[in-house]
Amino acid sequence: MNNKKPGNGEFRSWRSYWEFRREVIRDWRYVRSKTAQAFLSAVATTCHDRSVDIPEGKHFFRAQVAHHDVFEPEVGDSFPGPALPNRMNPLRGRAREGRVNPKGIPCLYMASDKHTAMAEARPWIGSLVSLGVFRTERALKIVDCTRDADRNRFFLEGEPAVDERDQVVWSHMARAFREPATRDDDIAEYAPTQIIAEVFRSEGYDGVAYRSAFGTDRFNIALFDLDAAKLVTCALHEVRDVELKHEETANPYFVQVDEDGKPVLVRNVITDIRPLEPTERDESTDKDGV
């Protein structure tokens, strides 16, 4: 057990992010406790260890489920074309809730590759998606939250050493940024990462990079300055196929009928865990050495 008290710039506990998250979602939003302030101070101090420079002229991708009808005088009809720049860029002074931005304060969300950008737009089969290429207009300094996103460490008793505690807390924040946003998300779910992103901004950073939920080697980037990257080209894509991967995450139930003919839901429940008795075949196999 590590009994050292955290100093300035150190996280109090490996649970620090989860305690902060619970407070800003359920208890306090705009006035914070001393514990929450201490957490944000630690974020402000330790984020500099995750500083990454992006050079001018770097290309990123941004997709929108939108198109612009182009009139062709030769045939006298209109055909779908790429969305115009005013649709591909965020609206100034207007924005929906996002993982990085609060409502009304837009960020420029982009992806490291075109496939991630397309997936982040959540299109379905038959959707027309405009895919824009953006180029950074100046050198940028961002906080890299792609590290430790696959770590899922927890401790039942005591606290780890300072360095490991730092890694665990940052892994929790990285996973929070990576969680996909759905249209029916409770707005409060965005609050923790929005506040953390504002800490990055107050420390002089231009944005944050975080893992995409659509691939472990892909990432997204959100820039606070809408003019930090400019649209240079845009093409229209039609979604022809969507690969859906899934896995079972809970025990299934089975429908049975009781004596009154009413349906009853039955689930498998583990009541005992013990070694199985060897069968005669297992014993003969062991004797033969096969």
Foldseek 3Di string as FASTA:
>chain_A
DDPDQDDFLFQRFLCLLVVLLCCCLPNNPPDDDPSNVSSLRNLLNPLVVQKDKDFFFDKWKAKALDWDWDADVVVRDTDTWADDQVVRFDDQQADDQDLAAHGRQDWNKTKHDQVLNVVLNVDDAFTKMKMWMKTFHGMFMAGELLPLLPDDDDDPDDHDDRVVSVSSNSNVLLVLSQDRDDPPDDSSSSRSSNVSSVSRVVSPGQWYKHPHPVDSVMIMIIGSDSNRIDTDDMTMDGHHDDDDDDDDDDWAWDWDADPVRDTDTHTDDDDDDDDDDDDPVNVVCVVVVD
